[in-house]
Amino acid sequence: MTHRQGIFIANTLSYLYHHFGYENMCSWEKIKDRQIELPLNANGEIDFDFMEDYVRELERERIRELEAYLKATGLKDYILTPEEELALKQLSSTKWKEYKITDIFNINNTHNILSSSIKDCPGKTPYLCASSENNGVSAYISYNELLKERGNCIFIGGKTFVVSYQQEDFFSNDSHNLALYLKAEKRTRLNQLYLATCIKKSLGHKYTWGDSISRTKIQKDTVNLPLSNDSKPDYALMETLIRAVQKLVIRNVVLYADRRIAATKEAINQHV
């Protein structure tokens, strides 16, 4: 059995997820008489060649999608500019200053929409909960527009202190959650990604489920931010550093995609 055939067969077993769980764990005795469906060839035998070709084609499709995504988002460029290299090099010597959160952000409690209220409300607007998975998005819904929160902000899950940047308008599952709107004139995705990390690092040790953050408590909190030459938060540096980090993170993905694309094209040419 090859790697691709193994992937195909493993996926035919995925239906077992619906039958077993922590309180009813899977075992050989429980599954040995269950059945899976596999493709057959003209001779009525298991078609391992089909499995191989099918998974190979899926790999090609995903690689093409990845390449298109990298191009569309501009992430295919992973070469650091001189400005980005300098920002990374000088990070250890950057001056920092402690700022009150309320001096940097306008802070709102979000509205409270219970999950039981949205079961039959499919839509395109993110519905956020205080989860660290999927950037806090648990569903996409259509709901009362008066309860929608403005995007382009930093979102804090009130009870779990999960901090994320939310680009789009959204609905929230709990009025304990906070939406922080940057007061600076240039409120961009990149500088807010940086700020979200600073808030998480500055306050993450302080709040727990039993002592959760609130709009009242955050009034007294502070955050450490890089300082510009005019003694203000250096938002330009924040953007430069995030761009550099994105390139460093995406570099291996791009190189992997390039290798797979080259291999795929070579295999196609050989087949032709």
C-alpha atoms as a PDB file:
ATOM      1  CA  MET A   1       0.000   0.000   0.000  1.00  0.00           C
ATOM      2  CA  THR A   2       1.401   3.373  -1.023  1.00  0.00           C
ATOM      3  CA  HIS A   3       1.148   6.635   0.868  1.00  0.00           C
ATOM      4  CA  ARG A   4      -1.671   7.944  -1.358  1.00  0.00           C
ATOM      5  CA  GLN A   5      -3.594   4.670  -1.206  1.00  0.00           C
ATOM      6  CA  GLY A   6      -3.295   4.791   2.573  1.00  0.00           C
ATOM      7  CA  ILE A   7      -4.725   8.323   2.630  1.00  0.00           C
ATOM      8  CA  PHE A   8      -7.678   7.219   0.491  1.00  0.00           C
ATOM      9  CA  ILE A   9      -8.459   4.191   2.660  1.00  0.00           C
ATOM     10  CA  ALA A  10      -8.036   6.134   5.915  1.00  0.00           C
ATOM     11  CA  ASN A  11     -10.671   8.599   4.730  1.00  0.00           C
ATOM     12  CA  THR A  12     -13.171   5.816   4.110  1.00  0.00           C
ATOM     13  CA  LEU A  13     -13.014   5.190   7.859  1.00  0.00           C
ATOM     14  CA  SER A  14     -13.892   8.789   8.733  1.00  0.00           C
ATOM     15  CA  TYR A  15     -17.581   7.887   9.244  1.00  0.00           C
ATOM     16  CA  LEU A  16     -16.533   6.183  12.488  1.00  0.00           C
ATOM     17  CA  TYR A  17     -16.156   9.636  14.071  1.00  0.00           C
ATOM     18  CA  HIS A  18     -19.951   9.719  14.299  1.00  0.00           C
ATOM     19  CA  HIS A  19     -20.122   6.439  16.204  1.00  0.00           C
ATOM     20  CA  PHE A  20     -17.357   6.754  18.785  1.00  0.00           C
ATOM     21  CA  GLY A  21     -16.171   9.311  21.318  1.00  0.00           C
ATOM     22  CA  TYR A  22     -14.477   9.710  24.668  1.00  0.00           C
ATOM     23  CA  GLU A  23     -17.272   7.893  26.506  1.00  0.00           C
ATOM     24  CA  ASN A  24     -17.532   5.186  23.842  1.00  0.00           C
ATOM     25  CA  MET A  25     -14.008   4.590  22.608  1.00  0.00           C
ATOM     26  CA  CYS A  26     -13.218   2.733  19.440  1.00  0.00           C
ATOM     27  CA  SER A  27     -11.655  -0.724  19.556  1.00  0.00           C
ATOM     28  CA  TRP A  28     -10.921  -3.527  17.084  1.00  0.00           C
ATOM     29  CA  GLU A  29     -13.702  -5.655  18.570  1.00  0.00           C
ATOM     30  CA  LYS A  30     -16.211  -2.860  17.901  1.00  0.00           C
ATOM     31  CA  ILE A  31     -15.209  -2.131  14.316  1.00  0.00           C
ATOM     32  CA  LYS A  32     -13.961  -5.430  12.904  1.00  0.00           C
ATOM     33  CA  ASP A  33     -17.370  -6.289  11.410  1.00  0.00           C
ATOM     34  CA  ARG A  34     -18.070  -2.815  10.028  1.00  0.00           C
ATOM     35  CA  GLN A  35     -17.703  -2.156   6.327  1.00  0.00           C
ATOM     36  CA  ILE A  36     -16.061   0.428   4.081  1.00  0.00           C
ATOM     37  CA  GLU A  37     -16.653   1.171   0.404  1.00  0.00           C
ATOM     38  CA  LEU A  38     -13.711   0.982  -2.005  1.00  0.00           C
ATOM     39  CA  PRO A  39     -13.534   1.415  -5.797  1.00  0.00           C
ATOM     40  CA  LEU A  40     -13.345  -1.674  -8.003  1.00  0.00           C
ATOM     41  CA  ASN A  41     -11.589  -2.159 -11.327  1.00  0.00           C
ATOM     42  CA  ALA A  42     -12.950  -3.979 -14.394  1.00  0.00           C
ATOM     43  CA  ASN A  43     -11.923  -7.315 -12.907  1.00  0.00           C
ATOM     44  CA  GLY A  44     -13.951  -6.705  -9.749  1.00  0.00           C
ATOM     45  CA  GLU A  45     -10.812  -6.255  -7.654  1.00  0.00           C
ATOM     46  CA  ILE A  46      -9.953  -3.312  -5.393  1.00  0.00           C
ATOM     47  CA  ASP A  47      -8.743  -0.533  -7.692  1.00  0.00           C
ATOM     48  CA  PHE A  48      -5.581   0.669  -5.988  1.00  0.00           C
ATOM     49  CA  ASP A  49      -4.479   2.499  -9.141  1.00  0.00           C
ATOM     50  CA  PHE A  50      -7.640   4.618  -9.033  1.00  0.00           C
ATOM     51  CA  MET A  51      -6.951   5.519  -5.399  1.00  0.00           C
ATOM     52  CA  GLU A  52      -3.409   6.565  -6.287  1.00  0.00           C
ATOM     53  CA  ASP A  53      -4.514   8.727  -9.225  1.00  0.00           C
ATOM     54  CA  TYR A  54      -7.435  10.258  -7.349  1.00  0.00           C
ATOM     55  CA  VAL A  55      -5.351  11.437  -4.381  1.00  0.00           C
ATOM     56  CA  ARG A  56      -2.592  12.644  -6.717  1.00  0.00           C
ATOM     57  CA  GLU A  57      -5.118  14.789  -8.593  1.00  0.00           C
ATOM     58  CA  LEU A  58      -6.441  16.199  -5.307  1.00  0.00           C
ATOM     59  CA  GLU A  59      -2.874  17.152  -4.371  1.00  0.00           C
ATOM     60  CA  ARG A  60      -2.438  18.937  -7.706  1.00  0.00           C
ATOM     61  CA  GLU A  61      -5.704  20.796  -7.234  1.00  0.00           C
ATOM     62  CA  ARG A  62      -4.771  21.956  -3.718  1.00  0.00           C
ATOM     63  CA  ILE A  63      -1.331  23.080  -4.871  1.00  0.00           C
ATOM     64  CA  ARG A  64      -2.913  25.110  -7.685  1.00  0.00           C
ATOM     65  CA  GLU A  65      -5.292  26.698  -5.183  1.00  0.00           C
ATOM     66  CA  LEU A  66      -2.398  27.477  -2.842  1.00  0.00           C
ATOM     67  CA  GLU A  67      -0.393  29.086  -5.637  1.00  0.00           C
ATOM     68  CA  ALA A  68      -3.400  31.211  -6.681  1.00  0.00           C
ATOM     69  CA  TYR A  69      -3.997  32.263  -3.060  1.00  0.00           C
ATOM     70  CA  LEU A  70      -0.366  33.271  -2.527  1.00  0.00           C
ATOM     71  CA  LYS A  71      -0.450  35.381  -5.690  1.00  0.00           C
ATOM     72  CA  ALA A  72      -3.816  37.004  -4.891  1.00  0.00           C
ATOM     73  CA  THR A  73      -2.797  37.960  -1.352  1.00  0.00           C
ATOM     74  CA  GLY A  74       0.691  39.117  -2.279  1.00  0.00           C
ATOM     75  CA  LEU A  75       2.201  36.570   0.100  1.00  0.00           C
ATOM     76  CA  LYS A  76       4.212  34.894  -2.637  1.00  0.00           C
ATOM     77  CA  ASP A  77       6.819  37.611  -2.156  1.00  0.00           C
ATOM     78  CA  TYR A  78       8.849  36.467   0.843  1.00  0.00           C
ATOM     79  CA  ILE A  79      12.001  38.544   0.218  1.00  0.00           C
ATOM     80  CA  LEU A  80      12.563  41.042   3.017  1.00  0.00           C
ATOM     81  CA  THR A  81      13.009  44.673   2.004  1.00  0.00           C
ATOM     82  CA  PRO A  82      15.945  46.651   3.485  1.00  0.00           C
ATOM     83  CA  GLU A  83      13.430  48.451   5.722  1.00  0.00           C
ATOM     84  CA  GLU A  84      12.039  45.154   7.032  1.00  0.00           C
ATOM     85  CA  GLU A  85      15.514  43.691   7.615  1.00  0.00           C
ATOM     86  CA  LEU A  86      16.506  46.826   9.536  1.00  0.00           C
ATOM     87  CA  ALA A  87      13.338  46.711  11.673  1.00  0.00           C
ATOM     88  CA  LEU A  88      14.044  43.102  12.663  1.00  0.00           C
ATOM     89  CA  LYS A  89      17.704  43.823  13.333  1.00  0.00           C
ATOM     90  CA  GLN A  90      16.962  46.823  15.535  1.00  0.00           C
ATOM     91  CA  LEU A  91      14.020  45.267  17.393  1.00  0.00           C
ATOM     92  CA  SER A  92      16.113  44.440  20.457  1.00  0.00           C
ATOM     93  CA  SER A  93      17.170  48.084  20.779  1.00  0.00           C
ATOM     94  CA  THR A  94      13.713  49.565  20.119  1.00  0.00           C
ATOM     95  CA  LYS A  95      12.453  51.942  22.792  1.00  0.00           C
ATOM     96  CA  TRP A  96       9.157  51.018  24.430  1.00  0.00           C
ATOM     97  CA  LYS A  97       6.645  52.947  26.513  1.00  0.00           C
ATOM     98  CA  GLU A  98       3.730  51.958  28.714  1.00  0.00           C
ATOM     99  CA  TYR A  99       0.388  53.390  27.585  1.00  0.00           C
ATOM    100  CA  LYS A 100      -3.045  53.249  29.142  1.00  0.00           C
ATOM    101  CA  ILE A 101      -5.313  51.074  27.031  1.00  0.00           C
ATOM    102  CA  THR A 102      -7.951  53.813  27.070  1.00  0.00           C
ATOM    103  CA  ASP A 103      -5.458  56.305  25.588  1.00  0.00           C
ATOM    104  CA  ILE A 104      -4.977  54.022  22.587  1.00  0.00           C
ATOM    105  CA  PHE A 105      -8.474  52.568  22.083  1.00  0.00           C
ATOM    106  CA  ASN A 106     -12.159  53.336  22.346  1.00  0.00           C
ATOM    107  CA  ILE A 107     -13.667  50.330  24.118  1.00  0.00           C
ATOM    108  CA  ASN A 108     -17.180  48.887  23.705  1.00  0.00           C
ATOM    109  CA  ASN A 109     -18.962  45.894  25.128  1.00  0.00           C
ATOM    110  CA  THR A 110     -20.423  43.808  22.317  1.00  0.00           C
ATOM    111  CA  HIS A 111     -24.048  42.761  22.093  1.00  0.00           C
ATOM    112  CA  ASN A 112     -25.234  39.435  23.428  1.00  0.00           C
ATOM    113  CA  ILE A 113     -26.648  36.923  20.902  1.00  0.00           C
ATOM    114  CA  LEU A 114     -27.162  33.419  22.282  1.00  0.00           C
ATOM    115  CA  SER A 115     -26.144  30.502  20.074  1.00  0.00           C
ATOM    116  CA  SER A 116     -29.647  29.048  20.520  1.00  0.00           C
ATOM    117  CA  SER A 117     -31.012  32.117  18.714  1.00  0.00           C
ATOM    118  CA  ILE A 118     -29.056  31.601  15.500  1.00  0.00           C
ATOM    119  CA  LYS A 119     -29.710  27.939  14.679  1.00  0.00           C
ATOM    120  CA  ASP A 120     -31.851  28.807  11.657  1.00  0.00           C
ATOM    121  CA  CYS A 121     -30.082  32.009  10.616  1.00  0.00           C
ATOM    122  CA  PRO A 122     -27.473  31.114   7.973  1.00  0.00           C
ATOM    123  CA  GLY A 123     -25.726  34.073   6.397  1.00  0.00           C
ATOM    124  CA  LYS A 124     -22.387  35.685   5.590  1.00  0.00           C
ATOM    125  CA  THR A 125     -21.598  37.713   8.735  1.00  0.00           C
ATOM    126  CA  PRO A 126     -19.135  36.152  11.223  1.00  0.00           C
ATOM    127  CA  TYR A 127     -20.604  35.116  14.570  1.00  0.00           C
ATOM    128  CA  LEU A 128     -17.874  35.286  17.208  1.00  0.00           C
ATOM    129  CA  CYS A 129     -17.439  33.389  20.425  1.00  0.00           C
ATOM    130  CA  ALA A 130     -14.599  33.445  22.930  1.00  0.00           C
ATOM    131  CA  SER A 131     -12.705  30.631  21.197  1.00  0.00           C
ATOM    132  CA  SER A 132      -9.064  30.570  20.103  1.00  0.00           C
ATOM    133  CA  GLU A 133      -9.956  28.474  17.038  1.00  0.00           C
ATOM    134  CA  ASN A 134     -10.752  29.875  13.596  1.00  0.00           C
ATOM    135  CA  ASN A 135     -10.077  33.456  14.757  1.00  0.00           C
ATOM    136  CA  GLY A 136     -13.074  33.221  17.091  1.00  0.00           C
ATOM    137  CA  VAL A 137     -15.587  32.599  14.289  1.00  0.00           C
ATOM    138  CA  SER A 138     -18.013  29.805  15.167  1.00  0.00           C
ATOM    139  CA  ALA A 139     -20.546  30.399  12.360  1.00  0.00           C
ATOM    140  CA  TYR A 140     -21.684  32.760   9.620  1.00  0.00           C
ATOM    141  CA  ILE A 141     -25.174  34.141  10.151  1.00  0.00           C
ATOM    142  CA  SER A 142     -27.790  36.687   9.129  1.00  0.00           C
ATOM    143  CA  TYR A 143     -29.356  38.487  12.072  1.00  0.00           C
ATOM    144  CA  ASN A 144     -30.659  41.793  13.419  1.00  0.00           C
ATOM    145  CA  GLU A 145     -28.460  44.480  11.856  1.00  0.00           C
ATOM    146  CA  LEU A 146     -28.863  46.674  14.937  1.00  0.00           C
ATOM    147  CA  LEU A 147     -26.861  44.094  16.915  1.00  0.00           C
ATOM    148  CA  LYS A 148     -23.961  43.991  14.459  1.00  0.00           C
ATOM    149  CA  GLU A 149     -20.526  45.206  15.628  1.00  0.00           C
ATOM    150  CA  ARG A 150     -18.244  47.276  13.431  1.00  0.00           C
ATOM    151  CA  GLY A 151     -15.172  45.447  12.173  1.00  0.00           C
ATOM    152  CA  ASN A 152     -11.577  46.644  11.769  1.00  0.00           C
ATOM    153  CA  CYS A 153     -11.067  46.243  15.495  1.00  0.00           C
ATOM    154  CA  ILE A 154      -9.439  44.093  18.148  1.00  0.00           C
ATOM    155  CA  PHE A 155     -11.805  41.599  19.753  1.00  0.00           C
ATOM    156  CA  ILE A 156     -11.334  40.234  23.275  1.00  0.00           C
ATOM    157  CA  GLY A 157     -13.275  37.199  24.457  1.00  0.00           C
ATOM    158  CA  GLY A 158     -14.331  38.440  27.873  1.00  0.00           C
ATOM    159  CA  LYS A 159     -14.377  35.166  29.768  1.00  0.00           C
ATOM    160  CA  THR A 160     -11.425  33.450  28.079  1.00  0.00           C
ATOM    161  CA  PHE A 161      -9.220  36.442  27.171  1.00  0.00           C
ATOM    162  CA  VAL A 162      -8.795  35.304  23.580  1.00  0.00           C
ATOM    163  CA  VAL A 163      -7.492  38.281  21.589  1.00  0.00           C
ATOM    164  CA  SER A 164      -7.920  38.567  17.813  1.00  0.00           C
ATOM    165  CA  TYR A 165      -8.141  41.089  14.997  1.00  0.00           C
ATOM    166  CA  GLN A 166     -11.508  41.222  13.237  1.00  0.00           C
ATOM    167  CA  GLN A 167     -11.477  42.781   9.802  1.00  0.00           C
ATOM    168  CA  GLU A 168     -15.171  42.347   8.934  1.00  0.00           C
ATOM    169  CA  ASP A 169     -18.310  43.475  10.750  1.00  0.00           C
ATOM    170  CA  PHE A 170     -19.511  40.717  13.089  1.00  0.00           C
ATOM    171  CA  PHE A 171     -22.027  39.488  15.633  1.00  0.00           C
ATOM    172  CA  SER A 172     -20.990  38.479  19.155  1.00  0.00           C
ATOM    173  CA  ASN A 173     -22.214  35.718  21.431  1.00  0.00           C
ATOM    174  CA  ASP A 174     -21.654  37.511  24.749  1.00  0.00           C
ATOM    175  CA  SER A 175     -21.905  41.044  26.125  1.00  0.00           C
ATOM    176  CA  HIS A 176     -18.802  40.332  28.231  1.00  0.00           C
ATOM    177  CA  ASN A 177     -16.745  40.444  25.019  1.00  0.00           C
ATOM    178  CA  LEU A 178     -14.953  43.674  24.167  1.00  0.00           C
ATOM    179  CA  ALA A 179     -14.360  45.483  20.870  1.00  0.00           C
ATOM    180  CA  LEU A 180     -11.347  47.829  20.861  1.00  0.00           C
ATOM    181  CA  TYR A 181     -11.208  50.552  18.191  1.00  0.00           C
ATOM    182  CA  LEU A 182      -7.855  52.172  17.608  1.00  0.00           C
ATOM    183  CA  LYS A 183      -7.927  55.962  18.021  1.00  0.00           C
ATOM    184  CA  ALA A 184      -4.995  56.517  15.650  1.00  0.00           C
ATOM    185  CA  GLU A 185      -5.884  57.950  12.259  1.00  0.00           C
ATOM    186  CA  LYS A 186      -4.261  55.020  10.437  1.00  0.00           C
ATOM    187  CA  ARG A 187      -6.159  51.959  11.673  1.00  0.00           C
ATOM    188  CA  THR A 188      -4.823  49.133   9.507  1.00  0.00           C
ATOM    189  CA  ARG A 189      -4.947  45.367   9.629  1.00  0.00           C
ATOM    190  CA  LEU A 190      -1.188  45.100  10.121  1.00  0.00           C
ATOM    191  CA  ASN A 191      -0.749  47.521  13.009  1.00  0.00           C
ATOM    192  CA  GLN A 192      -3.750  45.978  14.767  1.00  0.00           C
ATOM    193  CA  LEU A 193      -2.336  42.472  14.401  1.00  0.00           C
ATOM    194  CA  TYR A 194       0.721  43.816  16.195  1.00  0.00           C
ATOM    195  CA  LEU A 195      -1.395  45.553  18.852  1.00  0.00           C
ATOM    196  CA  ALA A 196      -3.469  42.426  19.467  1.00  0.00           C
ATOM    197  CA  THR A 197      -0.277  40.523  20.278  1.00  0.00           C
ATOM    198  CA  CYS A 198       0.943  43.311  22.577  1.00  0.00           C
ATOM    199  CA  ILE A 199      -2.358  43.262  24.482  1.00  0.00           C
ATOM    200  CA  LYS A 200      -2.238  39.482  24.805  1.00  0.00           C
ATOM    201  CA  LYS A 201       1.335  39.575  26.111  1.00  0.00           C
ATOM    202  CA  SER A 202       0.755  42.545  28.429  1.00  0.00           C
ATOM    203  CA  LEU A 203      -2.485  41.338  30.028  1.00  0.00           C
ATOM    204  CA  GLY A 204      -2.635  37.574  29.409  1.00  0.00           C
ATOM    205  CA  HIS A 205      -1.113  36.752  32.804  1.00  0.00           C
ATOM    206  CA  LYS A 206      -3.668  38.868  34.608  1.00  0.00           C
ATOM    207  CA  TYR A 207      -7.059  37.531  33.581  1.00  0.00           C
ATOM    208  CA  THR A 208      -8.534  34.048  34.008  1.00  0.00           C
ATOM    209  CA  TRP A 209     -11.936  32.417  33.722  1.00  0.00           C
ATOM    210  CA  GLY A 210     -12.531  33.118  37.416  1.00  0.00           C
ATOM    211  CA  ASP A 211     -11.309  36.696  37.144  1.00  0.00           C
ATOM    212  CA  SER A 212     -12.255  37.730  33.625  1.00  0.00           C
ATOM    213  CA  ILE A 213     -11.595  41.028  31.922  1.00  0.00           C
ATOM    214  CA  SER A 214     -14.329  43.655  31.687  1.00  0.00           C
ATOM    215  CA  ARG A 215     -14.778  47.139  30.291  1.00  0.00           C
ATOM    216  CA  THR A 216     -14.457  48.500  33.838  1.00  0.00           C
ATOM    217  CA  LYS A 217     -11.266  46.603  34.655  1.00  0.00           C
ATOM    218  CA  ILE A 218      -9.505  47.418  31.391  1.00  0.00           C
ATOM    219  CA  GLN A 219      -9.802  51.137  32.155  1.00  0.00           C
ATOM    220  CA  LYS A 220      -6.844  50.743  34.533  1.00  0.00           C
ATOM    221  CA  ASP A 221      -4.744  48.478  32.298  1.00  0.00           C
ATOM    222  CA  THR A 222      -1.672  49.407  30.310  1.00  0.00           C
ATOM    223  CA  VAL A 223       0.127  48.007  27.280  1.00  0.00           C
ATOM    224  CA  ASN A 224       3.770  48.282  26.204  1.00  0.00           C
ATOM    225  CA  LEU A 225       4.245  49.638  22.676  1.00  0.00           C
ATOM    226  CA  PRO A 226       7.274  50.678  20.586  1.00  0.00           C
ATOM    227  CA  LEU A 227       8.009  54.383  20.758  1.00  0.00           C
ATOM    228  CA  SER A 228       8.557  56.648  17.739  1.00  0.00           C
ATOM    229  CA  ASN A 229      10.853  59.672  17.602  1.00  0.00           C
ATOM    230  CA  ASP A 230       7.924  62.006  18.353  1.00  0.00           C
ATOM    231  CA  SER A 231       7.156  60.083  21.591  1.00  0.00           C
ATOM    232  CA  LYS A 232       4.022  58.471  20.175  1.00  0.00           C
ATOM    233  CA  PRO A 233       3.308  54.795  19.465  1.00  0.00           C
ATOM    234  CA  ASP A 234       5.307  53.814  16.392  1.00  0.00           C
ATOM    235  CA  TYR A 235       2.525  52.452  14.203  1.00  0.00           C
ATOM    236  CA  ALA A 236       4.732  52.527  11.100  1.00  0.00           C
ATOM    237  CA  LEU A 237       7.246  50.218  12.799  1.00  0.00           C
ATOM    238  CA  MET A 238       4.424  47.887  13.858  1.00  0.00           C
ATOM    239  CA  GLU A 239       3.325  47.528  10.228  1.00  0.00           C
ATOM    240  CA  THR A 240       6.874  46.936   9.011  1.00  0.00           C
ATOM    241  CA  LEU A 241       7.501  44.248  11.619  1.00  0.00           C
ATOM    242  CA  ILE A 242       4.258  42.401  10.859  1.00  0.00           C
ATOM    243  CA  ARG A 243       5.044  42.446   7.126  1.00  0.00           C
ATOM    244  CA  ALA A 244       8.472  41.003   7.909  1.00  0.00           C
ATOM    245  CA  VAL A 245       7.032  38.298  10.166  1.00  0.00           C
ATOM    246  CA  GLN A 246       4.481  37.339   7.517  1.00  0.00           C
ATOM    247  CA  LYS A 247       7.264  36.888   4.984  1.00  0.00           C
ATOM    248  CA  LEU A 248       9.364  34.809   7.366  1.00  0.00           C
ATOM    249  CA  VAL A 249       6.384  32.580   8.154  1.00  0.00           C
ATOM    250  CA  ILE A 250       5.216  32.203   4.570  1.00  0.00           C
ATOM    251  CA  ARG A 251       8.692  31.589   3.128  1.00  0.00           C
ATOM    252  CA  ASN A 252       8.714  27.848   3.763  1.00  0.00           C
ATOM    253  CA  VAL A 253       5.125  27.544   2.493  1.00  0.00           C
ATOM    254  CA  VAL A 254       6.043  29.277  -0.778  1.00  0.00           C
ATOM    255  CA  LEU A 255       9.174  27.170  -1.242  1.00  0.00           C
ATOM    256  CA  TYR A 256       7.163  24.002  -0.521  1.00  0.00           C
ATOM    257  CA  ALA A 257       4.493  25.050  -3.029  1.00  0.00           C
ATOM    258  CA  ASP A 258       7.118  25.847  -5.654  1.00  0.00           C
ATOM    259  CA  ARG A 259       8.737  22.423  -5.225  1.00  0.00           C
ATOM    260  CA  ARG A 260       5.391  20.634  -5.475  1.00  0.00           C
ATOM    261  CA  ILE A 261       4.316  22.684  -8.486  1.00  0.00           C
ATOM    262  CA  ALA A 262       7.583  21.889 -10.258  1.00  0.00           C
ATOM    263  CA  ALA A 263       7.224  18.196  -9.421  1.00  0.00           C
ATOM    264  CA  THR A 264       3.615  18.170 -10.617  1.00  0.00           C
ATOM    265  CA  LYS A 265       4.507  19.806 -13.928  1.00  0.00           C
ATOM    266  CA  GLU A 266       7.357  17.358 -14.421  1.00  0.00           C
ATOM    267  CA  ALA A 267       5.069  14.397 -13.749  1.00  0.00           C
ATOM    268  CA  ILE A 268       2.482  15.752 -16.200  1.00  0.00           C
ATOM    269  CA  ASN A 269       5.115  16.233 -18.904  1.00  0.00           C
ATOM    270  CA  GLN A 270       6.424  12.710 -18.381  1.00  0.00           C
ATOM    271  CA  HIS A 271       2.887  11.337 -18.579  1.00  0.00           C
ATOM    272  CA  VAL A 272       2.262  13.242 -21.809  1.00  0.00           C
END
